[in-house]
Amino acid sequence: VQLVESGGGLVQAGGSLRLSCAASGSTASINGMGWYRQAPGKERELVASITSGGGITNYGDSVKGRFTISRDNAKNTIYLQMNTLKPEDTAVYYCNAKVGGVYYVVDYWGKGTLVIVSS
């Protein structure tokens, strides 16, 4: 599975950005996809995720109500709509795909896209 992110950039606080992540390869084996982020000096954290089957979503507490994850199964692409951005949202955003079965999960990662929110 290969993942390619796009859509990062520089935005002022209060603004919006939309990230995209296109998956290729063995996409039929993907159970779910999501976005993680890592700010300088901090650990990588979950931003949002969505399952491939029922489209069940999950969000990190810091982005609930501001970010929305969605998917286009026909394009093997997920999106992250980020609204009301804050300086603390500044980070490298990584796309993630989980592949596996009952007894194992393999994580695939994109190279990341940088989001900078200026105050």
N, C-alpha and C. Protein backbone atom coordinates (compact mmCIF):
# COMPACT_ATOMS: atom_id res chain seq x y z
N VAL A 1 0.85 -1.19 0.00
CA VAL A 1 0.00 0.00 0.00
C VAL A 1 0.89 1.24 0.00
N GLN A 2 0.61 2.15 -0.92
CA GLN A 2 1.34 3.42 -0.96
C GLN A 2 0.34 4.54 -0.69
N LEU A 3 0.82 5.53 0.08
CA LEU A 3 -0.03 6.64 0.47
C LEU A 3 0.65 7.95 0.09
N VAL A 4 -0.08 8.85 -0.53
CA VAL A 4 0.46 10.14 -0.93
C VAL A 4 -0.47 11.24 -0.43
N GLU A 5 0.08 12.10 0.44
CA GLU A 5 -0.69 13.20 0.99
C GLU A 5 -0.50 14.47 0.16
N SER A 6 -1.48 15.34 0.24
CA SER A 6 -1.38 16.65 -0.38
C SER A 6 -2.30 17.61 0.35
N GLY A 7 -2.06 18.92 0.15
CA GLY A 7 -2.97 19.91 0.70
C GLY A 7 -2.44 20.72 1.86
N GLY A 8 -1.25 20.41 2.34
CA GLY A 8 -0.70 21.18 3.44
C GLY A 8 -0.29 22.56 3.00
N GLY A 9 0.07 23.39 3.96
CA GLY A 9 0.52 24.73 3.63
C GLY A 9 0.46 25.65 4.82
N LEU A 10 0.55 26.93 4.53
CA LEU A 10 0.53 27.98 5.55
C LEU A 10 -0.83 28.66 5.55
N VAL A 11 -1.41 28.79 6.73
CA VAL A 11 -2.72 29.42 6.85
C VAL A 11 -2.77 30.23 8.14
N GLN A 12 -3.56 31.27 8.14
CA GLN A 12 -3.72 32.07 9.36
C GLN A 12 -4.68 31.39 10.33
N ALA A 13 -4.51 31.69 11.59
CA ALA A 13 -5.41 31.17 12.61
C ALA A 13 -6.85 31.53 12.26
N GLY A 14 -7.74 30.57 12.43
CA GLY A 14 -9.14 30.76 12.09
C GLY A 14 -9.47 30.31 10.68
N GLY A 15 -8.46 30.03 9.89
CA GLY A 15 -8.66 29.63 8.51
C GLY A 15 -8.92 28.14 8.37
N SER A 16 -8.97 27.71 7.11
CA SER A 16 -9.27 26.30 6.80
C SER A 16 -8.28 25.75 5.80
N LEU A 17 -8.11 24.45 5.87
CA LEU A 17 -7.32 23.70 4.90
C LEU A 17 -7.97 22.34 4.69
N ARG A 18 -7.74 21.76 3.51
CA ARG A 18 -8.23 20.42 3.24
C ARG A 18 -7.08 19.55 2.80
N LEU A 19 -6.85 18.48 3.53
CA LEU A 19 -5.81 17.53 3.19
C LEU A 19 -6.42 16.35 2.44
N SER A 20 -5.64 15.79 1.54
CA SER A 20 -6.06 14.59 0.81
C SER A 20 -4.99 13.52 0.94
N CYS A 21 -5.43 12.28 0.90
CA CYS A 21 -4.50 11.16 0.93
C CYS A 21 -5.01 10.10 -0.05
N ALA A 22 -4.22 9.84 -1.08
CA ALA A 22 -4.59 8.84 -2.07
C ALA A 22 -3.82 7.56 -1.83
N ALA A 23 -4.55 6.46 -1.77
CA ALA A 23 -3.94 5.15 -1.57
C ALA A 23 -3.86 4.40 -2.89
N SER A 24 -2.78 3.64 -3.04
CA SER A 24 -2.63 2.80 -4.22
C SER A 24 -2.00 1.47 -3.80
N GLY A 25 -2.00 0.54 -4.70
CA GLY A 25 -1.49 -0.79 -4.38
C GLY A 25 -2.62 -1.70 -3.95
N SER A 26 -2.40 -2.45 -2.89
CA SER A 26 -3.38 -3.43 -2.39
C SER A 26 -4.44 -2.74 -1.54
N THR A 27 -5.19 -1.86 -2.15
CA THR A 27 -6.17 -1.07 -1.40
C THR A 27 -7.33 -1.91 -0.89
N ALA A 28 -7.61 -3.01 -1.52
CA ALA A 28 -8.72 -3.86 -1.07
C ALA A 28 -8.44 -4.47 0.30
N SER A 29 -7.18 -4.46 0.72
CA SER A 29 -6.82 -5.06 2.01
C SER A 29 -6.85 -4.05 3.15
N ILE A 30 -7.18 -2.81 2.86
CA ILE A 30 -7.18 -1.76 3.89
C ILE A 30 -8.44 -1.86 4.74
N ASN A 31 -8.25 -1.91 6.05
CA ASN A 31 -9.38 -1.96 6.98
C ASN A 31 -9.85 -0.56 7.39
N GLY A 32 -8.92 0.35 7.42
CA GLY A 32 -9.26 1.71 7.83
C GLY A 32 -8.12 2.64 7.51
N MET A 33 -8.42 3.92 7.45
CA MET A 33 -7.41 4.94 7.18
C MET A 33 -7.60 6.09 8.15
N GLY A 34 -6.56 6.90 8.24
CA GLY A 34 -6.69 8.03 9.16
C GLY A 34 -5.56 9.01 9.01
N TRP A 35 -5.62 10.02 9.84
CA TRP A 35 -4.61 11.08 9.89
C TRP A 35 -4.02 11.14 11.28
N TYR A 36 -2.72 11.25 11.32
CA TYR A 36 -1.98 11.49 12.54
C TYR A 36 -1.17 12.76 12.33
N ARG A 37 -0.73 13.36 13.42
CA ARG A 37 0.13 14.53 13.29
C ARG A 37 1.23 14.49 14.34
N GLN A 38 2.31 15.16 14.00
CA GLN A 38 3.43 15.24 14.93
C GLN A 38 4.00 16.65 14.89
N ALA A 39 3.93 17.30 16.01
CA ALA A 39 4.50 18.64 16.16
C ALA A 39 5.92 18.51 16.69
N PRO A 40 6.75 19.54 16.48
CA PRO A 40 8.14 19.48 16.95
C PRO A 40 8.22 19.19 18.44
N GLY A 41 9.02 18.20 18.79
CA GLY A 41 9.21 17.87 20.19
C GLY A 41 8.08 17.10 20.83
N LYS A 42 7.09 16.70 20.05
CA LYS A 42 5.94 15.97 20.59
C LYS A 42 5.79 14.62 19.91
N GLU A 43 5.04 13.75 20.55
CA GLU A 43 4.78 12.44 19.97
C GLU A 43 3.70 12.53 18.90
N ARG A 44 3.74 11.56 18.01
CA ARG A 44 2.70 11.50 16.99
C ARG A 44 1.36 11.16 17.65
N GLU A 45 0.31 11.85 17.23
CA GLU A 45 -1.00 11.64 17.83
C GLU A 45 -2.06 11.45 16.76
N LEU A 46 -3.11 10.73 17.14
CA LEU A 46 -4.23 10.52 16.24
C LEU A 46 -5.00 11.82 16.06
N VAL A 47 -5.31 12.15 14.83
CA VAL A 47 -6.18 13.28 14.53
C VAL A 47 -7.59 12.77 14.23
N ALA A 48 -7.68 11.86 13.28
CA ALA A 48 -8.99 11.31 12.91
C ALA A 48 -8.79 10.02 12.14
N SER A 49 -9.78 9.15 12.22
CA SER A 49 -9.71 7.90 11.47
C SER A 49 -11.10 7.54 10.97
N ILE A 50 -11.12 6.68 9.95
CA ILE A 50 -12.38 6.24 9.37
C ILE A 50 -12.21 4.81 8.89
N THR A 51 -13.19 3.97 9.19
CA THR A 51 -13.11 2.58 8.77
C THR A 51 -13.51 2.43 7.31
N SER A 52 -13.03 1.38 6.70
CA SER A 52 -13.33 1.16 5.29
C SER A 52 -14.73 0.59 5.10
N GLY A 53 -15.17 -0.18 6.05
CA GLY A 53 -16.47 -0.81 5.91
C GLY A 53 -17.62 0.12 6.20
N GLY A 54 -17.87 0.35 7.47
CA GLY A 54 -19.01 1.16 7.84
C GLY A 54 -18.78 2.65 7.88
N GLY A 55 -17.56 3.08 7.61
CA GLY A 55 -17.30 4.51 7.64
C GLY A 55 -17.38 5.10 9.03
N ILE A 56 -17.07 4.29 10.02
CA ILE A 56 -17.10 4.78 11.40
C ILE A 56 -15.90 5.70 11.62
N THR A 57 -16.16 6.86 12.20
CA THR A 57 -15.12 7.85 12.41
C THR A 57 -14.75 7.98 13.88
N ASN A 58 -13.52 8.44 14.08
CA ASN A 58 -13.01 8.67 15.43
C ASN A 58 -12.11 9.89 15.36
N TYR A 59 -12.19 10.76 16.38
CA TYR A 59 -11.42 12.00 16.37
C TYR A 59 -10.65 12.17 17.67
N GLY A 60 -9.48 12.81 17.54
CA GLY A 60 -8.77 13.21 18.73
C GLY A 60 -9.53 14.33 19.43
N ASP A 61 -9.41 14.39 20.74
CA ASP A 61 -10.19 15.37 21.51
C ASP A 61 -9.92 16.80 21.08
N SER A 62 -8.70 17.09 20.70
CA SER A 62 -8.33 18.47 20.41
C SER A 62 -8.91 18.97 19.08
N VAL A 63 -9.42 18.09 18.25
CA VAL A 63 -9.93 18.51 16.94
C VAL A 63 -11.42 18.29 16.77
N LYS A 64 -12.05 17.68 17.75
CA LYS A 64 -13.49 17.42 17.66
C LYS A 64 -14.27 18.71 17.45
N GLY A 65 -15.17 18.67 16.49
CA GLY A 65 -15.98 19.84 16.19
C GLY A 65 -15.34 20.80 15.20
N ARG A 66 -14.06 20.61 14.92
CA ARG A 66 -13.36 21.51 13.98
C ARG A 66 -12.90 20.78 12.71
N PHE A 67 -12.52 19.52 12.86
CA PHE A 67 -12.01 18.73 11.73
C PHE A 67 -13.04 17.66 11.35
N THR A 68 -13.07 17.35 10.06
CA THR A 68 -13.95 16.30 9.56
C THR A 68 -13.19 15.40 8.61
N ILE A 69 -13.25 14.10 8.86
CA ILE A 69 -12.63 13.14 7.96
C ILE A 69 -13.70 12.53 7.07
N SER A 70 -13.36 12.32 5.82
CA SER A 70 -14.30 11.71 4.88
C SER A 70 -13.52 10.83 3.90
N ARG A 71 -14.24 10.08 3.10
CA ARG A 71 -13.58 9.17 2.19
C ARG A 71 -14.33 9.11 0.86
N ASP A 72 -13.59 8.77 -0.18
CA ASP A 72 -14.15 8.49 -1.49
C ASP A 72 -13.61 7.13 -1.89
N ASN A 73 -14.39 6.11 -1.66
CA ASN A 73 -13.91 4.75 -1.91
C ASN A 73 -13.57 4.52 -3.38
N ALA A 74 -14.29 5.15 -4.27
CA ALA A 74 -14.04 4.97 -5.70
C ALA A 74 -12.65 5.48 -6.07
N LYS A 75 -12.19 6.49 -5.35
CA LYS A 75 -10.87 7.08 -5.63
C LYS A 75 -9.80 6.60 -4.66
N ASN A 76 -10.19 5.73 -3.72
CA ASN A 76 -9.25 5.26 -2.69
C ASN A 76 -8.58 6.44 -2.00
N THR A 77 -9.37 7.42 -1.67
CA THR A 77 -8.85 8.67 -1.12
C THR A 77 -9.62 9.05 0.13
N ILE A 78 -8.89 9.56 1.11
CA ILE A 78 -9.54 10.15 2.27
C ILE A 78 -9.17 11.63 2.32
N TYR A 79 -10.01 12.37 3.03
CA TYR A 79 -9.83 13.82 3.14
C TYR A 79 -9.91 14.21 4.61
N LEU A 80 -9.26 15.32 4.92
CA LEU A 80 -9.39 15.90 6.25
C LEU A 80 -9.68 17.38 6.06
N GLN A 81 -10.92 17.75 6.34
CA GLN A 81 -11.30 19.16 6.30
C GLN A 81 -11.01 19.77 7.65
N MET A 82 -10.15 20.76 7.67
CA MET A 82 -9.72 21.38 8.92
C MET A 82 -10.23 22.81 8.94
N ASN A 83 -11.10 23.10 9.89
CA ASN A 83 -11.66 24.44 10.03
C ASN A 83 -11.24 25.04 11.37
N THR A 84 -11.39 26.34 11.45
CA THR A 84 -11.05 27.07 12.68
C THR A 84 -9.67 26.64 13.19
N LEU A 85 -8.71 26.70 12.31
CA LEU A 85 -7.37 26.24 12.66
C LEU A 85 -6.74 27.13 13.72
N LYS A 86 -5.94 26.50 14.56
CA LYS A 86 -5.25 27.19 15.65
C LYS A 86 -3.74 27.00 15.49
N PRO A 87 -2.96 27.89 16.06
CA PRO A 87 -1.49 27.71 15.97
C PRO A 87 -1.04 26.35 16.49
N GLU A 88 -1.72 25.82 17.49
CA GLU A 88 -1.33 24.51 18.03
C GLU A 88 -1.65 23.35 17.09
N ASP A 89 -2.31 23.62 16.00
CA ASP A 89 -2.52 22.59 14.98
C ASP A 89 -1.31 22.45 14.06
N THR A 90 -0.35 23.33 14.21
CA THR A 90 0.86 23.26 13.40
C THR A 90 1.59 21.94 13.63
N ALA A 91 1.83 21.21 12.55
CA ALA A 91 2.45 19.89 12.66
C ALA A 91 2.64 19.31 11.27
N VAL A 92 3.36 18.22 11.21
CA VAL A 92 3.38 17.40 10.01
C VAL A 92 2.24 16.40 10.13
N TYR A 93 1.41 16.36 9.12
CA TYR A 93 0.25 15.47 9.13
C TYR A 93 0.56 14.25 8.26
N TYR A 94 0.37 13.09 8.85
CA TYR A 94 0.67 11.84 8.18
C TYR A 94 -0.60 11.05 7.90
N CYS A 95 -0.69 10.52 6.72
CA CYS A 95 -1.78 9.61 6.37
C CYS A 95 -1.40 8.20 6.81
N ASN A 96 -2.37 7.47 7.32
CA ASN A 96 -2.14 6.11 7.80
C ASN A 96 -3.17 5.16 7.21
N ALA A 97 -2.74 3.97 6.89
CA ALA A 97 -3.66 2.91 6.47
C ALA A 97 -3.35 1.66 7.28
N LYS A 98 -4.39 1.00 7.73
CA LYS A 98 -4.23 -0.22 8.52
C LYS A 98 -4.69 -1.41 7.69
N VAL A 99 -3.81 -2.38 7.61
CA VAL A 99 -4.08 -3.60 6.85
C VAL A 99 -3.90 -4.78 7.80
N GLY A 100 -4.86 -5.68 7.80
CA GLY A 100 -4.66 -6.83 8.66
C GLY A 100 -5.90 -7.67 8.81
N GLY A 101 -5.76 -8.63 9.71
CA GLY A 101 -6.88 -9.52 9.97
C GLY A 101 -7.16 -9.55 11.46
N VAL A 102 -7.58 -10.71 11.91
CA VAL A 102 -7.97 -10.85 13.31
C VAL A 102 -6.76 -10.78 14.25
N TYR A 103 -5.64 -11.32 13.81
CA TYR A 103 -4.48 -11.48 14.70
C TYR A 103 -3.35 -10.50 14.45
N TYR A 104 -3.43 -9.66 13.46
CA TYR A 104 -2.32 -8.74 13.22
C TYR A 104 -2.82 -7.51 12.49
N VAL A 105 -2.08 -6.42 12.66
CA VAL A 105 -2.35 -5.18 11.93
C VAL A 105 -1.02 -4.62 11.45
N VAL A 106 -0.97 -4.24 10.21
CA VAL A 106 0.22 -3.60 9.65
C VAL A 106 -0.13 -2.17 9.31
N ASP A 107 0.71 -1.25 9.77
CA ASP A 107 0.51 0.17 9.49
C ASP A 107 1.34 0.62 8.31
N TYR A 108 0.69 1.35 7.42
CA TYR A 108 1.38 2.00 6.31
C TYR A 108 1.27 3.51 6.51
N TRP A 109 2.34 4.22 6.13
CA TRP A 109 2.40 5.67 6.36
C TRP A 109 2.78 6.41 5.09
N GLY A 110 2.19 7.58 4.93
CA GLY A 110 2.65 8.47 3.91
C GLY A 110 3.87 9.25 4.41
N LYS A 111 4.42 10.10 3.54
CA LYS A 111 5.62 10.86 3.91
C LYS A 111 5.29 12.08 4.73
N GLY A 112 4.03 12.47 4.75
CA GLY A 112 3.62 13.61 5.55
C GLY A 112 3.50 14.89 4.75
N THR A 113 2.63 15.76 5.25
CA THR A 113 2.47 17.08 4.66
C THR A 113 2.44 18.10 5.78
N LEU A 114 3.17 19.20 5.61
CA LEU A 114 3.34 20.18 6.68
C LEU A 114 2.20 21.20 6.68
N VAL A 115 1.64 21.39 7.85
CA VAL A 115 0.62 22.42 8.07
C VAL A 115 1.17 23.42 9.08
N ILE A 116 1.18 24.67 8.70
CA ILE A 116 1.64 25.74 9.60
C ILE A 116 0.49 26.74 9.76
N VAL A 117 0.11 26.97 11.01
CA VAL A 117 -0.95 27.92 11.32
C VAL A 117 -0.33 29.10 12.04
N SER A 118 -0.40 30.24 11.42
CA SER A 118 0.20 31.44 12.01
C SER A 118 -0.83 32.18 12.86
N SER A 119 -0.32 32.81 13.90
CA SER A 119 -1.22 33.54 14.81
C SER A 119 -1.41 34.98 14.39
